[in-house]
Amino acid sequence: MKKYFAIIVLAAAFALPSQAQVKFGLKGGLNATTMTMSDDNLKEGITNKSGFFIGPTVKFTLPIVALGVDASVLYDQREARLKATDEKLKQQSVQIPINLRAGFGLGDVANVFVFLGPQFGFNVGGDTENNSVKDWSLKTACISGNIGIGLMLANHFQITGNYNICFTNSAKYKIYIYDASGSTLTPEDVNVKNHAWQIALAYYF
């Protein structure tokens, strides 16, 4: 995780002008999972559950134009449950969001901002050790995106709300269906995307 954070910091530092203000902090929050499956018969058979995320963050701000970039390296956990079998689906990953932000407000006292940007996820949990579903397999990596709004208070405290939407599949779930004769079960892979509504609190030093 430290390696990912160092890469993000260096990339952002070279991308922004020298007059940018840089602040480091800690970020954490809650996920409200919205899991979707490519099979129509399974879409209504999922109970979405809450999860969490936490990790270091860094913020670059151009004070004159109120534009900036923030990046984080977050341990992220998301869960859902299959209604028919009461089996738990669990995803553990390292998520690296990189957001462009534009703010307006009262300077250091309070600042409202909007943000959007890509997010890169890397699976860090084994399929069998984290899930009770044997036919569930996680992708090694996935790409998603964020769009949201936030509030900065006293130049240190930050509250944000956003929607994280998956652009690529985050997992596969194997189901078994009968062939045309109705006598043989054939395996079929169902693609899974793990979206989430997120609320976060960050403190910048």
C-alpha atoms as a PDB file:
ATOM      1  CA  MET A   1       0.000   0.000   0.000  1.00  0.00           C
ATOM      2  CA  LYS A   2       2.883   2.394   0.768  1.00  0.00           C
ATOM      3  CA  LYS A   3       4.280   1.759  -2.728  1.00  0.00           C
ATOM      4  CA  TYR A   4       0.985   2.720  -4.394  1.00  0.00           C
ATOM      5  CA  PHE A   5       0.724   5.886  -2.283  1.00  0.00           C
ATOM      6  CA  ALA A   6       4.277   6.961  -3.160  1.00  0.00           C
ATOM      7  CA  ILE A   7       3.591   6.507  -6.889  1.00  0.00           C
ATOM      8  CA  ILE A   8       0.435   8.638  -6.715  1.00  0.00           C
ATOM      9  CA  VAL A   9       2.187  11.410  -4.760  1.00  0.00           C
ATOM     10  CA  LEU A  10       5.096  11.594  -7.209  1.00  0.00           C
ATOM     11  CA  ALA A  11       2.853  11.567 -10.284  1.00  0.00           C
ATOM     12  CA  ALA A  12       0.640  14.328  -8.950  1.00  0.00           C
ATOM     13  CA  ALA A  13       3.623  16.408  -7.806  1.00  0.00           C
ATOM     14  CA  PHE A  14       5.096  16.474 -11.319  1.00  0.00           C
ATOM     15  CA  ALA A  15       1.712  17.178 -12.896  1.00  0.00           C
ATOM     16  CA  LEU A  16       0.927  20.336 -10.899  1.00  0.00           C
ATOM     17  CA  PRO A  17       2.706  23.706 -10.759  1.00  0.00           C
ATOM     18  CA  SER A  18       5.127  24.510  -7.947  1.00  0.00           C
ATOM     19  CA  GLN A  19       2.778  27.055  -6.320  1.00  0.00           C
ATOM     20  CA  ALA A  20       0.218  24.348  -5.513  1.00  0.00           C
ATOM     21  CA  GLN A  21      -0.562  23.801  -1.841  1.00  0.00           C
ATOM     22  CA  VAL A  22       0.024  20.208  -0.711  1.00  0.00           C
ATOM     23  CA  LYS A  23      -1.648  18.603   2.298  1.00  0.00           C
ATOM     24  CA  PHE A  24      -1.482  15.029   3.575  1.00  0.00           C
ATOM     25  CA  GLY A  25      -4.186  13.368   5.608  1.00  0.00           C
ATOM     26  CA  LEU A  26      -6.186  10.311   6.592  1.00  0.00           C
ATOM     27  CA  LYS A  27      -9.497   9.343   5.005  1.00  0.00           C
ATOM     28  CA  GLY A  28     -12.174   6.834   5.983  1.00  0.00           C
ATOM     29  CA  GLY A  29     -15.829   6.173   5.333  1.00  0.00           C
ATOM     30  CA  LEU A  30     -18.715   3.850   4.546  1.00  0.00           C
ATOM     31  CA  ASN A  31     -19.795   2.000   1.402  1.00  0.00           C
ATOM     32  CA  ALA A  32     -23.431   1.286   0.588  1.00  0.00           C
ATOM     33  CA  THR A  33     -22.926  -1.471  -1.961  1.00  0.00           C
ATOM     34  CA  THR A  34     -24.976  -1.685  -5.158  1.00  0.00           C
ATOM     35  CA  MET A  35     -23.996  -4.997  -6.747  1.00  0.00           C
ATOM     36  CA  THR A  36     -25.317  -5.803 -10.227  1.00  0.00           C
ATOM     37  CA  MET A  37     -25.167  -9.055 -12.215  1.00  0.00           C
ATOM     38  CA  SER A  38     -25.439  -9.609 -15.955  1.00  0.00           C
ATOM     39  CA  ASP A  39     -28.029 -12.383 -15.519  1.00  0.00           C
ATOM     40  CA  ASP A  40     -31.559 -10.955 -15.244  1.00  0.00           C
ATOM     41  CA  ASN A  41     -32.693 -13.839 -13.015  1.00  0.00           C
ATOM     42  CA  LEU A  42     -30.148 -12.891 -10.343  1.00  0.00           C
ATOM     43  CA  LYS A  43     -30.573  -9.097 -10.287  1.00  0.00           C
ATOM     44  CA  GLU A  44     -33.394  -9.216  -7.728  1.00  0.00           C
ATOM     45  CA  GLY A  45     -31.785 -11.968  -5.672  1.00  0.00           C
ATOM     46  CA  ILE A  46     -29.097  -9.842  -3.994  1.00  0.00           C
ATOM     47  CA  THR A  47     -29.230  -8.089  -0.643  1.00  0.00           C
ATOM     48  CA  ASN A  48     -26.696  -5.252  -0.662  1.00  0.00           C
ATOM     49  CA  LYS A  49     -24.831  -4.568   2.554  1.00  0.00           C
ATOM     50  CA  SER A  50     -22.629  -1.802   3.931  1.00  0.00           C
ATOM     51  CA  GLY A  51     -18.837  -1.800   3.971  1.00  0.00           C
ATOM     52  CA  PHE A  52     -15.988   0.568   4.761  1.00  0.00           C
ATOM     53  CA  PHE A  53     -12.738   2.063   3.478  1.00  0.00           C
ATOM     54  CA  ILE A  54      -9.732   3.741   5.111  1.00  0.00           C
ATOM     55  CA  GLY A  55      -6.284   4.944   4.142  1.00  0.00           C
ATOM     56  CA  PRO A  56      -3.884   7.854   3.531  1.00  0.00           C
ATOM     57  CA  THR A  57      -4.778  10.733   1.219  1.00  0.00           C
ATOM     58  CA  VAL A  58      -3.065  13.753  -0.327  1.00  0.00           C
ATOM     59  CA  LYS A  59      -4.544  16.976  -1.722  1.00  0.00           C
ATOM     60  CA  PHE A  60      -3.031  19.469  -4.171  1.00  0.00           C
ATOM     61  CA  THR A  61      -4.743  22.846  -4.490  1.00  0.00           C
ATOM     62  CA  LEU A  62      -4.166  25.872  -6.717  1.00  0.00           C
ATOM     63  CA  PRO A  63      -5.359  28.700  -4.420  1.00  0.00           C
ATOM     64  CA  ILE A  64      -5.930  31.312  -7.123  1.00  0.00           C
ATOM     65  CA  VAL A  65      -8.324  29.328  -9.313  1.00  0.00           C
ATOM     66  CA  ALA A  66      -9.664  26.983  -6.593  1.00  0.00           C
ATOM     67  CA  LEU A  67      -8.832  23.914  -8.638  1.00  0.00           C
ATOM     68  CA  GLY A  68      -7.048  20.873  -7.330  1.00  0.00           C
ATOM     69  CA  VAL A  69      -6.450  17.146  -7.320  1.00  0.00           C
ATOM     70  CA  ASP A  70      -6.745  14.629  -4.520  1.00  0.00           C
ATOM     71  CA  ALA A  71      -5.509  11.039  -4.464  1.00  0.00           C
ATOM     72  CA  SER A  72      -5.808   8.260  -1.910  1.00  0.00           C
ATOM     73  CA  VAL A  73      -4.760   4.681  -1.283  1.00  0.00           C
ATOM     74  CA  LEU A  74      -7.654   2.966   0.478  1.00  0.00           C
ATOM     75  CA  TYR A  75      -8.300  -0.472   1.905  1.00  0.00           C
ATOM     76  CA  ASP A  76     -11.878  -1.099   0.744  1.00  0.00           C
ATOM     77  CA  GLN A  77     -14.369  -3.778   1.800  1.00  0.00           C
ATOM     78  CA  ARG A  78     -17.771  -4.403   0.183  1.00  0.00           C
ATOM     79  CA  GLU A  79     -20.349  -7.121   0.849  1.00  0.00           C
ATOM     80  CA  ALA A  80     -23.597  -8.509  -0.510  1.00  0.00           C
ATOM     81  CA  ARG A  81     -25.717 -11.584   0.196  1.00  0.00           C
ATOM     82  CA  LEU A  82     -27.571 -13.983  -2.091  1.00  0.00           C
ATOM     83  CA  LYS A  83     -31.202 -14.132  -0.943  1.00  0.00           C
ATOM     84  CA  ALA A  84     -31.898 -17.638  -2.200  1.00  0.00           C
ATOM     85  CA  THR A  85     -29.038 -19.342  -0.353  1.00  0.00           C
ATOM     86  CA  ASP A  86     -28.108 -16.717   2.265  1.00  0.00           C
ATOM     87  CA  GLU A  87     -24.502 -16.934   1.052  1.00  0.00           C
ATOM     88  CA  LYS A  88     -22.177 -13.964   1.537  1.00  0.00           C
ATOM     89  CA  LEU A  89     -20.231 -12.305  -1.268  1.00  0.00           C
ATOM     90  CA  LYS A  90     -17.277 -10.270  -0.023  1.00  0.00           C
ATOM     91  CA  GLN A  91     -14.762  -8.096  -1.872  1.00  0.00           C
ATOM     92  CA  GLN A  92     -11.547  -6.763  -0.319  1.00  0.00           C
ATOM     93  CA  SER A  93      -9.359  -4.481  -2.411  1.00  0.00           C
ATOM     94  CA  VAL A  94      -6.928  -1.582  -2.506  1.00  0.00           C
ATOM     95  CA  GLN A  95      -8.638   1.332  -4.240  1.00  0.00           C
ATOM     96  CA  ILE A  96      -6.738   4.320  -5.679  1.00  0.00           C
ATOM     97  CA  PRO A  97      -9.082   7.226  -6.521  1.00  0.00           C
ATOM     98  CA  ILE A  98      -7.645  10.267  -8.319  1.00  0.00           C
ATOM     99  CA  ASN A  99     -10.131  13.131  -8.389  1.00  0.00           C
ATOM    100  CA  LEU A 100     -10.129  16.533 -10.064  1.00  0.00           C
ATOM    101  CA  ARG A 101     -11.884  19.048  -7.794  1.00  0.00           C
ATOM    102  CA  ALA A 102     -13.268  22.558  -8.215  1.00  0.00           C
ATOM    103  CA  GLY A 103     -14.254  24.585  -5.150  1.00  0.00           C
ATOM    104  CA  PHE A 104     -15.921  27.802  -4.141  1.00  0.00           C
ATOM    105  CA  GLY A 105     -16.696  29.373  -0.764  1.00  0.00           C
ATOM    106  CA  LEU A 106     -15.179  31.415   2.062  1.00  0.00           C
ATOM    107  CA  GLY A 107     -11.522  30.623   1.778  1.00  0.00           C
ATOM    108  CA  ASP A 108     -10.117  28.650   4.717  1.00  0.00           C
ATOM    109  CA  VAL A 109     -13.339  28.888   6.768  1.00  0.00           C
ATOM    110  CA  ALA A 110     -15.576  26.770   4.546  1.00  0.00           C
ATOM    111  CA  ASN A 111     -15.274  25.561   0.997  1.00  0.00           C
ATOM    112  CA  VAL A 112     -17.765  23.577  -1.073  1.00  0.00           C
ATOM    113  CA  PHE A 113     -16.351  21.591  -3.966  1.00  0.00           C
ATOM    114  CA  VAL A 114     -17.402  19.119  -6.633  1.00  0.00           C
ATOM    115  CA  PHE A 115     -15.143  16.338  -7.838  1.00  0.00           C
ATOM    116  CA  LEU A 116     -14.855  13.533 -10.347  1.00  0.00           C
ATOM    117  CA  GLY A 117     -12.201  11.163 -11.536  1.00  0.00           C
ATOM    118  CA  PRO A 118     -11.089   7.590 -12.167  1.00  0.00           C
ATOM    119  CA  GLN A 119     -10.463   4.942  -9.537  1.00  0.00           C
ATOM    120  CA  PHE A 120      -8.202   1.899  -9.874  1.00  0.00           C
ATOM    121  CA  GLY A 121      -8.889  -1.197  -7.760  1.00  0.00           C
ATOM    122  CA  PHE A 122      -6.675  -4.200  -6.972  1.00  0.00           C
ATOM    123  CA  ASN A 123      -7.976  -7.360  -5.310  1.00  0.00           C
ATOM    124  CA  VAL A 124      -6.216  -8.222  -2.027  1.00  0.00           C
ATOM    125  CA  GLY A 125      -8.619 -10.880  -0.677  1.00  0.00           C
ATOM    126  CA  GLY A 126      -8.621 -14.547  -1.621  1.00  0.00           C
ATOM    127  CA  ASP A 127     -11.813 -15.868  -3.204  1.00  0.00           C
ATOM    128  CA  THR A 128     -12.289 -18.820  -0.879  1.00  0.00           C
ATOM    129  CA  GLU A 129     -11.045 -17.360   2.394  1.00  0.00           C
ATOM    130  CA  ASN A 130     -13.337 -14.311   2.250  1.00  0.00           C
ATOM    131  CA  ASN A 131     -16.509 -15.805   0.819  1.00  0.00           C
ATOM    132  CA  SER A 132     -18.867 -18.643   1.626  1.00  0.00           C
ATOM    133  CA  VAL A 133     -19.716 -19.008  -2.093  1.00  0.00           C
ATOM    134  CA  LYS A 134     -17.393 -21.478  -3.826  1.00  0.00           C
ATOM    135  CA  ASP A 135     -18.396 -20.359  -7.342  1.00  0.00           C
ATOM    136  CA  TRP A 136     -17.476 -16.716  -6.700  1.00  0.00           C
ATOM    137  CA  SER A 137     -14.198 -15.385  -8.163  1.00  0.00           C
ATOM    138  CA  LEU A 138     -12.787 -11.868  -7.968  1.00  0.00           C
ATOM    139  CA  LYS A 139     -11.050 -10.041 -10.792  1.00  0.00           C
ATOM    140  CA  THR A 140      -7.412  -9.108 -10.174  1.00  0.00           C
ATOM    141  CA  ALA A 141      -8.072  -5.451 -11.017  1.00  0.00           C
ATOM    142  CA  CYS A 142     -10.957  -3.202 -12.017  1.00  0.00           C
ATOM    143  CA  ILE A 143     -11.531   0.400 -13.088  1.00  0.00           C
ATOM    144  CA  SER A 144     -14.309   2.605 -11.755  1.00  0.00           C
ATOM    145  CA  GLY A 145     -15.131   6.306 -11.515  1.00  0.00           C
ATOM    146  CA  ASN A 146     -16.289   8.781  -8.874  1.00  0.00           C
ATOM    147  CA  ILE A 147     -18.568  11.793  -8.998  1.00  0.00           C
ATOM    148  CA  GLY A 148     -19.521  13.697  -5.871  1.00  0.00           C
ATOM    149  CA  ILE A 149     -19.630  16.798  -3.704  1.00  0.00           C
ATOM    150  CA  GLY A 150     -17.760  17.783  -0.567  1.00  0.00           C
ATOM    151  CA  LEU A 151     -17.314  20.350   2.167  1.00  0.00           C
ATOM    152  CA  MET A 152     -13.963  21.555   3.558  1.00  0.00           C
ATOM    153  CA  LEU A 153     -13.983  23.151   7.010  1.00  0.00           C
ATOM    154  CA  ALA A 154     -11.214  25.144   8.705  1.00  0.00           C
ATOM    155  CA  ASN A 155      -8.777  23.949   6.040  1.00  0.00           C
ATOM    156  CA  HIS A 156      -8.453  20.577   7.819  1.00  0.00           C
ATOM    157  CA  PHE A 157     -11.751  18.679   8.008  1.00  0.00           C
ATOM    158  CA  GLN A 158     -13.390  17.311   4.885  1.00  0.00           C
ATOM    159  CA  ILE A 159     -16.757  15.605   4.373  1.00  0.00           C
ATOM    160  CA  THR A 160     -17.671  14.073   1.003  1.00  0.00           C
ATOM    161  CA  GLY A 161     -20.461  12.085  -0.604  1.00  0.00           C
ATOM    162  CA  ASN A 162     -20.118  10.366  -3.968  1.00  0.00           C
ATOM    163  CA  TYR A 163     -21.215   7.544  -6.217  1.00  0.00           C
ATOM    164  CA  ASN A 164     -18.583   5.043  -7.334  1.00  0.00           C
ATOM    165  CA  ILE A 165     -19.554   3.254 -10.547  1.00  0.00           C
ATOM    166  CA  CYS A 166     -17.667   0.267 -11.988  1.00  0.00           C
ATOM    167  CA  PHE A 167     -16.657   0.480 -15.639  1.00  0.00           C
ATOM    168  CA  THR A 168     -15.176  -3.034 -15.751  1.00  0.00           C
ATOM    169  CA  ASN A 169     -16.330  -6.257 -14.113  1.00  0.00           C
ATOM    170  CA  SER A 170     -15.149  -6.740 -10.538  1.00  0.00           C
ATOM    171  CA  ALA A 171     -16.005 -10.441 -10.186  1.00  0.00           C
ATOM    172  CA  LYS A 172     -17.575 -13.509 -11.790  1.00  0.00           C
ATOM    173  CA  TYR A 173     -20.228 -15.805 -10.346  1.00  0.00           C
ATOM    174  CA  LYS A 174     -20.686 -19.286 -11.806  1.00  0.00           C
ATOM    175  CA  ILE A 175     -24.246 -20.620 -12.149  1.00  0.00           C
ATOM    176  CA  TYR A 176     -25.450 -23.944 -13.504  1.00  0.00           C
ATOM    177  CA  ILE A 177     -28.301 -24.257 -16.012  1.00  0.00           C
ATOM    178  CA  TYR A 178     -29.887 -27.228 -17.755  1.00  0.00           C
ATOM    179  CA  ASP A 179     -29.195 -27.784 -21.437  1.00  0.00           C
ATOM    180  CA  ALA A 180     -31.921 -28.088 -24.084  1.00  0.00           C
ATOM    181  CA  SER A 181     -32.616 -31.699 -23.131  1.00  0.00           C
ATOM    182  CA  GLY A 182     -33.150 -30.724 -19.511  1.00  0.00           C
ATOM    183  CA  SER A 183     -30.887 -33.501 -18.281  1.00  0.00           C
ATOM    184  CA  THR A 184     -27.424 -31.952 -18.030  1.00  0.00           C
ATOM    185  CA  LEU A 185     -26.282 -28.983 -15.961  1.00  0.00           C
ATOM    186  CA  THR A 186     -23.937 -26.618 -17.788  1.00  0.00           C
ATOM    187  CA  PRO A 187     -21.818 -23.970 -16.012  1.00  0.00           C
ATOM    188  CA  GLU A 188     -22.227 -20.355 -17.085  1.00  0.00           C
ATOM    189  CA  ASP A 189     -20.291 -17.284 -15.889  1.00  0.00           C
ATOM    190  CA  VAL A 190     -22.248 -14.233 -14.743  1.00  0.00           C
ATOM    191  CA  ASN A 191     -20.393 -10.899 -14.734  1.00  0.00           C
ATOM    192  CA  VAL A 192     -20.584  -8.817 -11.553  1.00  0.00           C
ATOM    193  CA  LYS A 193     -20.084  -5.076 -11.040  1.00  0.00           C
ATOM    194  CA  ASN A 194     -19.793  -3.734  -7.517  1.00  0.00           C
ATOM    195  CA  HIS A 195     -20.929  -0.088  -7.419  1.00  0.00           C
ATOM    196  CA  ALA A 196     -21.249   1.907  -4.180  1.00  0.00           C
ATOM    197  CA  TRP A 197     -22.627   5.063  -2.630  1.00  0.00           C
ATOM    198  CA  GLN A 198     -19.909   6.446  -0.344  1.00  0.00           C
ATOM    199  CA  ILE A 199     -19.698   8.878   2.571  1.00  0.00           C
ATOM    200  CA  ALA A 200     -16.227   9.867   3.764  1.00  0.00           C
ATOM    201  CA  LEU A 201     -14.526  11.937   6.427  1.00  0.00           C
ATOM    202  CA  ALA A 202     -10.940  13.109   6.012  1.00  0.00           C
ATOM    203  CA  TYR A 203      -8.538  15.092   8.155  1.00  0.00           C
ATOM    204  CA  TYR A 204      -5.630  16.966   6.523  1.00  0.00           C
ATOM    205  CA  PHE A 205      -2.654  17.869   8.685  1.00  0.00           C
END
